[in-house]
Amino acid sequence: MGSKNGMLEIMRGLSYLTQVGLSVAAPIILCLLAARWLQNRFGWGSWVLITALLFGLISGLVSLWKFLMLVQKKASDKPRDNK
């Protein structure tokens, strides 16, 4: 039974790692793509890319912070085995 629990913990860890990567990367990529579209569509300058990068970074960090707080809350609510 112990190896099944160990495998579940490994899978949970991998899902958390994937979630963290997506939570940080997705806002940055989406903001940069939107900025590039705005540049091509309306002819705006390079300031749009810089603004989008900053906005994406801040959004990614806020998302990461919220995810880590959720994981911490789940970990503190989970009963611990003292083996």
C-alpha atoms as a PDB file:
ATOM      1  CA  MET A   1       0.000   0.000   0.000  1.00  0.00           C
ATOM      2  CA  GLY A   2       2.955   2.297   0.653  1.00  0.00           C
ATOM      3  CA  SER A   3       4.162   2.316  -2.955  1.00  0.00           C
ATOM      4  CA  LYS A   4       0.717   3.356  -4.168  1.00  0.00           C
ATOM      5  CA  ASN A   5       0.717   6.315  -1.763  1.00  0.00           C
ATOM      6  CA  GLY A   6       4.247   7.178  -2.871  1.00  0.00           C
ATOM      7  CA  MET A   7       3.182   7.146  -6.513  1.00  0.00           C
ATOM      8  CA  LEU A   8       0.202   9.367  -5.705  1.00  0.00           C
ATOM      9  CA  GLU A   9       2.515  11.851  -3.981  1.00  0.00           C
ATOM     10  CA  ILE A  10       4.827  11.867  -7.008  1.00  0.00           C
ATOM     11  CA  MET A  11       1.898  12.479  -9.361  1.00  0.00           C
ATOM     12  CA  ARG A  12       0.595  15.248  -7.088  1.00  0.00           C
ATOM     13  CA  GLY A  13       4.039  16.864  -7.083  1.00  0.00           C
ATOM     14  CA  LEU A  14       4.245  16.693 -10.881  1.00  0.00           C
ATOM     15  CA  SER A  15       0.803  18.245 -11.234  1.00  0.00           C
ATOM     16  CA  TYR A  16       1.802  21.066  -8.869  1.00  0.00           C
ATOM     17  CA  LEU A  17       4.997  21.655 -10.854  1.00  0.00           C
ATOM     18  CA  THR A  18       3.048  21.776 -14.113  1.00  0.00           C
ATOM     19  CA  GLN A  19       0.506  24.155 -12.597  1.00  0.00           C
ATOM     20  CA  VAL A  20       3.241  26.497 -11.379  1.00  0.00           C
ATOM     21  CA  GLY A  21       4.857  26.556 -14.821  1.00  0.00           C
ATOM     22  CA  LEU A  22       1.575  27.301 -16.555  1.00  0.00           C
ATOM     23  CA  SER A  23       0.561  29.882 -13.947  1.00  0.00           C
ATOM     24  CA  VAL A  24       3.734  31.861 -14.517  1.00  0.00           C
ATOM     25  CA  ALA A  25       4.331  31.369 -18.254  1.00  0.00           C
ATOM     26  CA  ALA A  26       0.804  31.730 -19.652  1.00  0.00           C
ATOM     27  CA  PRO A  27       0.144  35.362 -18.602  1.00  0.00           C
ATOM     28  CA  ILE A  28       3.538  36.483 -19.893  1.00  0.00           C
ATOM     29  CA  ILE A  29       3.124  34.773 -23.257  1.00  0.00           C
ATOM     30  CA  LEU A  30      -0.467  35.946 -23.700  1.00  0.00           C
ATOM     31  CA  CYS A  31       0.409  39.546 -22.853  1.00  0.00           C
ATOM     32  CA  LEU A  32       3.339  39.554 -25.263  1.00  0.00           C
ATOM     33  CA  LEU A  33       1.210  38.082 -28.047  1.00  0.00           C
ATOM     34  CA  ALA A  34      -1.473  40.694 -27.414  1.00  0.00           C
ATOM     35  CA  ALA A  35       1.160  43.450 -27.470  1.00  0.00           C
ATOM     36  CA  ARG A  36       2.564  42.169 -30.748  1.00  0.00           C
ATOM     37  CA  TRP A  37      -0.940  42.129 -32.218  1.00  0.00           C
ATOM     38  CA  LEU A  38      -1.523  45.717 -31.046  1.00  0.00           C
ATOM     39  CA  GLN A  39       1.755  46.778 -32.641  1.00  0.00           C
ATOM     40  CA  ASN A  40       0.844  45.191 -35.962  1.00  0.00           C
ATOM     41  CA  ARG A  41      -2.798  46.292 -35.923  1.00  0.00           C
ATOM     42  CA  PHE A  42      -2.439  49.896 -34.747  1.00  0.00           C
ATOM     43  CA  GLY A  43       1.231  50.615 -35.358  1.00  0.00           C
ATOM     44  CA  TRP A  44       2.017  51.327 -31.727  1.00  0.00           C
ATOM     45  CA  GLY A  45       5.624  51.568 -30.613  1.00  0.00           C
ATOM     46  CA  SER A  46       7.914  49.365 -28.573  1.00  0.00           C
ATOM     47  CA  TRP A  47       6.497  50.696 -25.335  1.00  0.00           C
ATOM     48  CA  VAL A  48       3.571  48.290 -25.771  1.00  0.00           C
ATOM     49  CA  LEU A  49       5.885  45.266 -25.517  1.00  0.00           C
ATOM     50  CA  ILE A  50       7.575  46.616 -22.402  1.00  0.00           C
ATOM     51  CA  THR A  51       4.235  47.392 -20.771  1.00  0.00           C
ATOM     52  CA  ALA A  52       2.859  43.976 -21.704  1.00  0.00           C
ATOM     53  CA  LEU A  53       5.962  42.241 -20.351  1.00  0.00           C
ATOM     54  CA  LEU A  54       5.644  44.038 -17.023  1.00  0.00           C
ATOM     55  CA  PHE A  55       1.920  43.340 -16.845  1.00  0.00           C
ATOM     56  CA  GLY A  56       2.501  39.672 -17.699  1.00  0.00           C
ATOM     57  CA  LEU A  57       5.237  39.312 -15.091  1.00  0.00           C
ATOM     58  CA  ILE A  58       3.094  40.880 -12.397  1.00  0.00           C
ATOM     59  CA  SER A  59       0.115  38.723 -13.369  1.00  0.00           C
ATOM     60  CA  GLY A  60       2.257  35.596 -13.345  1.00  0.00           C
ATOM     61  CA  LEU A  61       3.709  36.397  -9.935  1.00  0.00           C
ATOM     62  CA  VAL A  62       0.274  37.117  -8.458  1.00  0.00           C
ATOM     63  CA  SER A  63      -1.005  33.844  -9.878  1.00  0.00           C
ATOM     64  CA  LEU A  64       2.009  32.008  -8.461  1.00  0.00           C
ATOM     65  CA  TRP A  65       1.481  33.628  -5.048  1.00  0.00           C
ATOM     66  CA  LYS A  66      -2.195  32.605  -4.963  1.00  0.00           C
ATOM     67  CA  PHE A  67      -1.335  29.050  -6.013  1.00  0.00           C
ATOM     68  CA  LEU A  68       1.350  28.740  -3.346  1.00  0.00           C
ATOM     69  CA  MET A  69      -1.044  30.047  -0.683  1.00  0.00           C
ATOM     70  CA  LEU A  70      -3.611  27.434  -1.769  1.00  0.00           C
ATOM     71  CA  VAL A  71      -1.015  24.644  -1.587  1.00  0.00           C
ATOM     72  CA  GLN A  72       0.127  25.852   1.827  1.00  0.00           C
ATOM     73  CA  LYS A  73      -3.463  25.916   3.086  1.00  0.00           C
ATOM     74  CA  LYS A  74      -4.073  22.383   1.781  1.00  0.00           C
ATOM     75  CA  ALA A  75      -0.878  21.181   3.436  1.00  0.00           C
ATOM     76  CA  SER A  76      -1.824  22.694   6.794  1.00  0.00           C
ATOM     77  CA  ASP A  77      -5.350  21.218   6.630  1.00  0.00           C
ATOM     78  CA  LYS A  78      -4.057  17.742   5.794  1.00  0.00           C
ATOM     79  CA  PRO A  79      -3.643  15.441   8.809  1.00  0.00           C
ATOM     80  CA  ARG A  80      -0.038  14.308   9.262  1.00  0.00           C
ATOM     81  CA  ASP A  81       1.147  10.737   9.797  1.00  0.00           C
ATOM     82  CA  ASN A  82       3.788  10.532  12.515  1.00  0.00           C
ATOM     83  CA  LYS A  83       5.486   7.314  11.419  1.00  0.00           C
END
